[in-house]
Structures are given as C-alpha cells and as structure tokens.
Amino acid sequence: MNPPAPYNASFNQAEFNKVAPVMNAQSRLSTLSVGDLPVSRTCPQCHRSMATTVEKTNGVTVWSAAGILILLGCVCGCCLIPLCMDDLKDKTHYCPYCNTVVGRKKLFK
C-alpha cells in the first residue's frame, strides 16, 4: 500500500473528474417490474414498442415443492403436481422482434 501523497503534491484534475458508471434506469426498471402476463415495453436492444413474450420454465420453486411432496410421502404421482402449476414457475419476458430478455420473475433466487 502506498503512503498518502504529501500535502503540497500537485492535484490531478483528470483523476478527480472520473465518474463511476451508472446503471441505465430503463434497464433496471425492465428487470424489476415484470409479472406473470405480457407487458408493454420498449425493447432496450431494438428500441421498438412491443408486448413481451412470456416463457415459463421450471425453476427452484417447482423442484423444491416436488421434493417436499416426495419427502412427505406423495410418491404415487402427487409429487408431480407442482410441475403443472404455472404460478410456481419462473417467467422470462422476451422481445418478440429481437428475442432479447427484457425481464425475469422468480419466486426464489
């Protein structure tokens, strides 16, 4: 580790003016405000107005619920019920024009 500069050292204005990168507010909102249904958005990639396409996939919540049902003794097919429940699935929103991921909704991360 370097010792601090002496008090009379020259001041580097260029180093002082460096700004930390800031996350784009549009991209942050698009990943936070999606739900189960398609939403109207402007695509951050192609900049077209569109209604998102929603893809539902089995995530941690679905497999955890199925595992808990197996541990409770539901092995004759009842443990597969979570695989059919759309409310437990992870949702990924895509732009229908360029297939860019616009947002995700997960119950557990």
Protein backbone atom coordinates (compact mmCIF):
# COMPACT_ATOMS: atom_id res chain seq x y z
CA MET A 1 0.00 0.00 0.00
CA ASN A 2 1.36 3.41 -0.96
CA PRO A 3 1.70 6.15 1.64
CA PRO A 4 -0.55 9.18 1.20
CA ALA A 5 0.70 11.99 -1.01
CA PRO A 6 2.27 14.98 0.71
CA TYR A 7 0.04 17.99 1.25
CA ASN A 8 1.80 20.12 -1.34
CA ALA A 9 1.56 17.45 -4.10
CA SER A 10 0.07 18.52 -7.41
CA PHE A 11 -3.67 17.95 -7.82
CA ASN A 12 -4.67 15.71 -10.74
CA GLN A 13 -7.94 17.19 -12.05
CA ALA A 14 -8.48 14.41 -14.62
CA GLU A 15 -8.39 11.74 -11.90
CA PHE A 16 -10.80 13.78 -9.77
CA ASN A 17 -13.35 14.13 -12.61
CA LYS A 18 -13.73 10.38 -13.23
CA VAL A 19 -17.31 9.28 -12.69
CA ALA A 20 -18.37 5.80 -11.65
CA PRO A 21 -20.57 4.01 -14.21
CA VAL A 22 -24.27 4.36 -13.55
CA MET A 23 -26.82 1.66 -14.38
CA ASN A 24 -29.34 2.69 -17.01
CA ALA A 25 -32.67 3.38 -15.28
CA GLN A 26 -34.64 1.88 -18.21
CA SER A 27 -32.87 -1.49 -18.00
CA ARG A 28 -33.20 -1.57 -14.21
CA LEU A 29 -36.95 -0.95 -14.35
CA SER A 30 -37.46 -3.53 -17.06
CA THR A 31 -35.96 -6.28 -14.92
CA LEU A 32 -37.88 -5.29 -11.81
CA SER A 33 -41.41 -4.61 -12.99
CA VAL A 34 -42.46 -7.71 -14.91
CA GLY A 35 -45.09 -10.15 -13.80
CA ASP A 36 -46.91 -13.25 -14.99
CA LEU A 37 -48.59 -11.63 -18.00
CA PRO A 38 -47.08 -9.92 -21.07
CA VAL A 39 -46.31 -6.23 -20.51
CA SER A 40 -45.94 -3.29 -22.88
CA ARG A 41 -42.33 -2.15 -23.09
CA THR A 42 -39.76 -0.51 -25.28
CA CYS A 43 -37.05 -3.04 -26.04
CA PRO A 44 -33.64 -1.94 -24.71
CA GLN A 45 -31.94 -3.63 -27.69
CA CYS A 46 -34.02 -2.75 -30.79
CA HIS A 47 -35.93 0.22 -29.23
CA ARG A 48 -39.30 -0.90 -30.60
CA SER A 49 -42.54 -0.71 -28.64
CA MET A 50 -43.95 -4.18 -28.08
CA ALA A 51 -45.80 -6.53 -25.78
CA THR A 52 -43.39 -9.06 -24.30
CA THR A 53 -43.50 -12.78 -24.98
CA VAL A 54 -43.53 -14.80 -21.74
CA GLU A 55 -41.76 -18.15 -21.38
CA LYS A 56 -42.50 -20.24 -18.28
CA THR A 57 -39.81 -22.61 -17.03
CA ASN A 58 -39.46 -24.94 -14.07
CA GLY A 59 -37.19 -23.28 -11.54
CA VAL A 60 -36.05 -23.77 -7.98
CA THR A 61 -39.55 -23.28 -6.56
CA VAL A 62 -41.12 -26.04 -8.64
CA TRP A 63 -38.41 -28.58 -7.90
CA SER A 64 -38.35 -27.68 -4.19
CA ALA A 65 -42.11 -28.16 -3.92
CA ALA A 66 -41.88 -31.52 -5.71
CA GLY A 67 -39.05 -32.60 -3.40
CA ILE A 68 -41.01 -31.62 -0.31
CA LEU A 69 -44.01 -33.63 -1.53
CA ILE A 70 -41.76 -36.66 -2.08
CA LEU A 71 -40.40 -36.32 1.46
CA LEU A 72 -43.97 -36.16 2.78
CA GLY A 73 -44.75 -39.49 1.09
CA CYS A 74 -46.54 -38.35 -2.06
CA VAL A 75 -44.72 -40.68 -4.42
CA CYS A 76 -47.64 -42.06 -6.48
CA GLY A 77 -47.74 -39.08 -8.85
CA CYS A 78 -48.92 -36.34 -6.49
CA CYS A 79 -45.35 -35.05 -6.25
CA LEU A 80 -45.63 -34.05 -9.94
CA ILE A 81 -48.43 -31.53 -9.31
CA PRO A 82 -46.01 -28.56 -8.90
CA LEU A 83 -44.71 -29.22 -12.42
CA CYS A 84 -48.18 -28.35 -13.76
CA MET A 85 -48.71 -25.15 -11.73
CA ASP A 86 -47.85 -22.01 -13.72
CA ASP A 87 -47.88 -19.82 -10.59
CA LEU A 88 -44.78 -21.61 -9.26
CA LYS A 89 -42.78 -21.37 -12.50
CA ASP A 90 -40.16 -18.75 -13.34
CA LYS A 91 -41.22 -16.29 -16.04
CA THR A 92 -38.85 -14.82 -18.62
CA HIS A 93 -40.06 -11.90 -20.77
CA TYR A 94 -38.63 -11.59 -24.30
CA CYS A 95 -38.89 -9.00 -27.07
CA PRO A 96 -40.85 -10.70 -29.90
CA TYR A 97 -38.78 -8.88 -32.55
CA CYS A 98 -35.17 -9.50 -31.47
CA ASN A 99 -35.63 -12.14 -28.71
CA THR A 100 -33.75 -10.04 -26.14
CA VAL A 101 -34.53 -10.85 -22.50
CA VAL A 102 -36.49 -7.86 -21.20
CA GLY A 103 -37.09 -9.13 -17.66
CA ARG A 104 -37.42 -12.10 -15.35
CA LYS A 105 -39.71 -13.02 -12.49
CA LYS A 106 -38.56 -15.64 -9.99
CA LEU A 107 -40.19 -16.53 -6.70
CA PHE A 108 -36.87 -17.50 -5.14
CA LYS A 109 -33.41 -16.58 -6.35
